[in-house]
């Protein structure tokens, strides 16, 4: 009888631990849910400040080029070319990262493996084994 009481205590203890872990997970989820809204506001503000900083930097760079060259067209085109070069660099880097994330080698491996296995299957229904152990073509009646 003591063994049954010990087993019952062990099982009820494990169930209590499981319930406690689930309760902690619920509370953590609720806490994370409460902090999503401030996180989104913080990210929005960060993007606004970043864009404003970039705009001020480009305006100051354009003004410096205007004072250096004396032509507003050259200053505007210089800032535009700089931004286009940076955009091209970022797009190239983005495509590089997307290519790394696409599991290109893995998909290539599985696509070749599946077709190779399919091509290498032998049709055993059309062959018979001769007395010497070699396969010979089956007779059709």
C-alpha atoms as a PDB file:
ATOM      1  CA  UNK A   1       0.000   0.000   0.000  1.00  0.00           C
ATOM      2  CA  UNK A   2       2.875   2.390   0.693  1.00  0.00           C
ATOM      3  CA  UNK A   3       4.148   1.882  -2.869  1.00  0.00           C
ATOM      4  CA  UNK A   4       0.801   3.004  -4.303  1.00  0.00           C
ATOM      5  CA  UNK A   5       0.829   6.091  -2.084  1.00  0.00           C
ATOM      6  CA  UNK A   6       4.370   6.927  -3.240  1.00  0.00           C
ATOM      7  CA  UNK A   7       3.429   6.462  -6.894  1.00  0.00           C
ATOM      8  CA  UNK A   8       0.291   8.587  -6.386  1.00  0.00           C
ATOM      9  CA  UNK A   9       2.390  11.299  -4.716  1.00  0.00           C
ATOM     10  CA  UNK A  10       4.947  11.154  -7.526  1.00  0.00           C
ATOM     11  CA  UNK A  11       2.301  11.421 -10.244  1.00  0.00           C
ATOM     12  CA  UNK A  12       0.439  14.246  -8.474  1.00  0.00           C
ATOM     13  CA  UNK A  13       3.776  16.044  -7.954  1.00  0.00           C
ATOM     14  CA  UNK A  14       4.615  15.763 -11.670  1.00  0.00           C
ATOM     15  CA  UNK A  15       1.135  16.977 -12.629  1.00  0.00           C
ATOM     16  CA  UNK A  16       1.509  19.942 -10.245  1.00  0.00           C
ATOM     17  CA  UNK A  17       4.890  20.804 -11.774  1.00  0.00           C
ATOM     18  CA  UNK A  18       3.392  20.597 -15.285  1.00  0.00           C
ATOM     19  CA  UNK A  19       0.481  22.867 -14.262  1.00  0.00           C
ATOM     20  CA  UNK A  20       2.909  25.340 -12.711  1.00  0.00           C
ATOM     21  CA  UNK A  21       5.050  25.422 -15.880  1.00  0.00           C
ATOM     22  CA  UNK A  22       1.936  25.988 -17.992  1.00  0.00           C
ATOM     23  CA  UNK A  23       0.832  28.819 -15.681  1.00  0.00           C
ATOM     24  CA  UNK A  24       4.274  30.435 -15.938  1.00  0.00           C
ATOM     25  CA  UNK A  25       4.111  30.126 -19.749  1.00  0.00           C
ATOM     26  CA  UNK A  26       0.670  31.817 -19.747  1.00  0.00           C
ATOM     27  CA  UNK A  27       1.934  34.655 -17.566  1.00  0.00           C
ATOM     28  CA  UNK A  28       5.042  35.120 -19.727  1.00  0.00           C
ATOM     29  CA  UNK A  29       2.860  35.205 -22.839  1.00  0.00           C
ATOM     30  CA  UNK A  30       0.580  37.803 -21.262  1.00  0.00           C
ATOM     31  CA  UNK A  31       3.601  39.882 -20.228  1.00  0.00           C
ATOM     32  CA  UNK A  32       5.073  39.654 -23.725  1.00  0.00           C
ATOM     33  CA  UNK A  33       1.712  40.685 -25.163  1.00  0.00           C
ATOM     34  CA  UNK A  34       1.660  43.764 -22.970  1.00  0.00           C
ATOM     35  CA  UNK A  35       5.081  44.846 -24.193  1.00  0.00           C
ATOM     36  CA  UNK A  36       4.320  44.492 -27.928  1.00  0.00           C
ATOM     37  CA  UNK A  37       2.609  47.886 -28.200  1.00  0.00           C
ATOM     38  CA  UNK A  38       5.489  49.855 -26.613  1.00  0.00           C
ATOM     39  CA  UNK A  39       7.938  47.893 -28.768  1.00  0.00           C
ATOM     40  CA  UNK A  40       6.099  48.893 -31.955  1.00  0.00           C
ATOM     41  CA  UNK A  41       5.994  52.533 -30.863  1.00  0.00           C
ATOM     42  CA  UNK A  42       9.708  52.424 -30.052  1.00  0.00           C
ATOM     43  CA  UNK A  43      10.545  50.905 -33.452  1.00  0.00           C
ATOM     44  CA  UNK A  44       8.397  53.518 -35.222  1.00  0.00           C
ATOM     45  CA  UNK A  45      10.118  56.348 -33.385  1.00  0.00           C
ATOM     46  CA  UNK A  46      13.516  54.842 -34.140  1.00  0.00           C
ATOM     47  CA  UNK A  47      12.700  54.716 -37.861  1.00  0.00           C
ATOM     48  CA  UNK A  48      11.466  58.313 -37.802  1.00  0.00           C
ATOM     49  CA  UNK A  49      14.667  59.529 -36.114  1.00  0.00           C
ATOM     50  CA  UNK A  50      16.800  57.475 -38.523  1.00  0.00           C
ATOM     51  CA  UNK A  51      15.035  58.930 -41.572  1.00  0.00           C
ATOM     52  CA  UNK A  52      15.286  62.464 -40.196  1.00  0.00           C
ATOM     53  CA  UNK A  53      19.010  61.987 -39.537  1.00  0.00           C
ATOM     54  CA  UNK A  54      19.527  60.680 -43.080  1.00  0.00           C
ATOM     55  CA  UNK A  55      17.604  63.607 -44.550  1.00  0.00           C
ATOM     56  CA  UNK A  56      19.583  66.194 -42.572  1.00  0.00           C
ATOM     57  CA  UNK A  57      22.859  64.481 -43.546  1.00  0.00           C
ATOM     58  CA  UNK A  58      21.941  64.572 -47.245  1.00  0.00           C
ATOM     59  CA  UNK A  59      20.842  68.222 -47.043  1.00  0.00           C
ATOM     60  CA  UNK A  60      24.101  69.223 -45.340  1.00  0.00           C
ATOM     61  CA  UNK A  61      26.128  67.202 -47.861  1.00  0.00           C
ATOM     62  CA  UNK A  62      24.239  68.881 -50.719  1.00  0.00           C
ATOM     63  CA  UNK A  63      24.791  72.301 -49.175  1.00  0.00           C
ATOM     64  CA  UNK A  64      28.514  71.560 -48.794  1.00  0.00           C
ATOM     65  CA  UNK A  65      28.722  70.459 -52.433  1.00  0.00           C
ATOM     66  CA  UNK A  66      26.793  73.574 -53.482  1.00  0.00           C
ATOM     67  CA  UNK A  67      29.343  75.766 -51.691  1.00  0.00           C
ATOM     68  CA  UNK A  68      32.220  73.749 -53.203  1.00  0.00           C
ATOM     69  CA  UNK A  69      31.059  73.614 -56.817  1.00  0.00           C
ATOM     70  CA  UNK A  70      28.745  76.636 -56.920  1.00  0.00           C
ATOM     71  CA  UNK A  71      26.152  74.776 -59.008  1.00  0.00           C
ATOM     72  CA  UNK A  72      22.911  73.491 -57.485  1.00  0.00           C
ATOM     73  CA  UNK A  73      22.517  70.919 -60.274  1.00  0.00           C
ATOM     74  CA  UNK A  74      25.908  69.362 -59.526  1.00  0.00           C
ATOM     75  CA  UNK A  75      25.154  69.252 -55.804  1.00  0.00           C
ATOM     76  CA  UNK A  76      21.742  67.634 -56.321  1.00  0.00           C
ATOM     77  CA  UNK A  77      23.092  65.120 -58.837  1.00  0.00           C
ATOM     78  CA  UNK A  78      26.021  64.233 -56.563  1.00  0.00           C
ATOM     79  CA  UNK A  79      23.711  63.505 -53.628  1.00  0.00           C
ATOM     80  CA  UNK A  80      21.380  61.550 -55.939  1.00  0.00           C
ATOM     81  CA  UNK A  81      24.248  59.450 -57.323  1.00  0.00           C
ATOM     82  CA  UNK A  82      25.505  58.736 -53.800  1.00  0.00           C
ATOM     83  CA  UNK A  83      22.037  57.576 -52.755  1.00  0.00           C
ATOM     84  CA  UNK A  84      21.674  55.413 -55.887  1.00  0.00           C
ATOM     85  CA  UNK A  85      25.054  53.774 -55.240  1.00  0.00           C
ATOM     86  CA  UNK A  86      24.047  53.053 -51.643  1.00  0.00           C
ATOM     87  CA  UNK A  87      20.686  51.719 -52.828  1.00  0.00           C
ATOM     88  CA  UNK A  88      22.418  49.406 -55.320  1.00  0.00           C
ATOM     89  CA  UNK A  89      24.787  48.169 -52.637  1.00  0.00           C
ATOM     90  CA  UNK A  90      21.901  47.488 -50.244  1.00  0.00           C
ATOM     91  CA  UNK A  91      19.857  45.690 -52.922  1.00  0.00           C
ATOM     92  CA  UNK A  92      22.871  43.551 -53.820  1.00  0.00           C
ATOM     93  CA  UNK A  93      23.402  42.698 -50.166  1.00  0.00           C
ATOM     94  CA  UNK A  94      19.692  41.919 -49.787  1.00  0.00           C
ATOM     95  CA  UNK A  95      19.734  39.536 -52.755  1.00  0.00           C
ATOM     96  CA  UNK A  96      22.869  37.875 -51.350  1.00  0.00           C
ATOM     97  CA  UNK A  97      21.139  37.322 -48.006  1.00  0.00           C
ATOM     98  CA  UNK A  98      17.948  36.061 -49.656  1.00  0.00           C
ATOM     99  CA  UNK A  99      19.984  33.625 -51.706  1.00  0.00           C
ATOM    100  CA  UNK A 100      21.700  32.356 -48.547  1.00  0.00           C
ATOM    101  CA  UNK A 101      18.335  31.960 -46.833  1.00  0.00           C
ATOM    102  CA  UNK A 102      16.720  30.080 -49.722  1.00  0.00           C
ATOM    103  CA  UNK A 103      18.579  26.788 -49.050  1.00  0.00           C
ATOM    104  CA  UNK A 104      19.660  26.698 -52.687  1.00  0.00           C
ATOM    105  CA  UNK A 105      22.160  23.845 -52.251  1.00  0.00           C
ATOM    106  CA  UNK A 106      19.698  21.755 -50.251  1.00  0.00           C
ATOM    107  CA  UNK A 107      16.916  22.137 -52.820  1.00  0.00           C
ATOM    108  CA  UNK A 108      19.394  21.380 -55.611  1.00  0.00           C
ATOM    109  CA  UNK A 109      20.588  18.261 -53.790  1.00  0.00           C
ATOM    110  CA  UNK A 110      17.086  16.923 -53.228  1.00  0.00           C
ATOM    111  CA  UNK A 111      15.886  17.755 -56.737  1.00  0.00           C
ATOM    112  CA  UNK A 112      18.825  15.864 -58.290  1.00  0.00           C
ATOM    113  CA  UNK A 113      18.615  12.996 -55.811  1.00  0.00           C
ATOM    114  CA  UNK A 114      14.930  12.424 -56.454  1.00  0.00           C
ATOM    115  CA  UNK A 115      15.324  12.472 -60.247  1.00  0.00           C
ATOM    116  CA  UNK A 116      18.462  10.302 -60.130  1.00  0.00           C
ATOM    117  CA  UNK A 117      16.749   7.665 -58.009  1.00  0.00           C
ATOM    118  CA  UNK A 118      13.766   7.704 -60.316  1.00  0.00           C
ATOM    119  CA  UNK A 119      15.951   7.321 -63.416  1.00  0.00           C
ATOM    120  CA  UNK A 120      17.953   4.447 -61.960  1.00  0.00           C
ATOM    121  CA  UNK A 121      15.001   2.183 -61.162  1.00  0.00           C
ATOM    122  CA  UNK A 122      15.065  -1.077 -63.086  1.00  0.00           C
ATOM    123  CA  UNK A 123      11.948  -2.615 -64.504  1.00  0.00           C
ATOM    124  CA  UNK A 124      12.173  -6.146 -63.121  1.00  0.00           C
ATOM    125  CA  UNK A 125       8.822  -7.188 -64.567  1.00  0.00           C
ATOM    126  CA  UNK A 126      10.275  -7.359 -68.102  1.00  0.00           C
ATOM    127  CA  UNK A 127      13.300  -9.479 -67.151  1.00  0.00           C
ATOM    128  CA  UNK A 128      13.839 -13.091 -66.144  1.00  0.00           C
ATOM    129  CA  UNK A 129      16.928 -14.638 -64.588  1.00  0.00           C
ATOM    130  CA  UNK A 130      18.640 -17.245 -66.718  1.00  0.00           C
ATOM    131  CA  UNK A 131      20.366 -20.401 -65.473  1.00  0.00           C
ATOM    132  CA  UNK A 132      23.721 -18.566 -65.354  1.00  0.00           C
ATOM    133  CA  UNK A 133      22.301 -15.804 -63.097  1.00  0.00           C
ATOM    134  CA  UNK A 134      22.206 -13.128 -65.825  1.00  0.00           C
ATOM    135  CA  UNK A 135      19.095 -11.204 -66.629  1.00  0.00           C
ATOM    136  CA  UNK A 136      17.500 -11.972 -69.927  1.00  0.00           C
ATOM    137  CA  UNK A 137      14.546 -10.325 -71.578  1.00  0.00           C
ATOM    138  CA  UNK A 138      11.224 -11.922 -70.733  1.00  0.00           C
ATOM    139  CA  UNK A 139       9.190 -13.537 -73.449  1.00  0.00           C
ATOM    140  CA  UNK A 140       5.891 -11.980 -74.209  1.00  0.00           C
ATOM    141  CA  UNK A 141       3.098 -14.279 -75.333  1.00  0.00           C
END
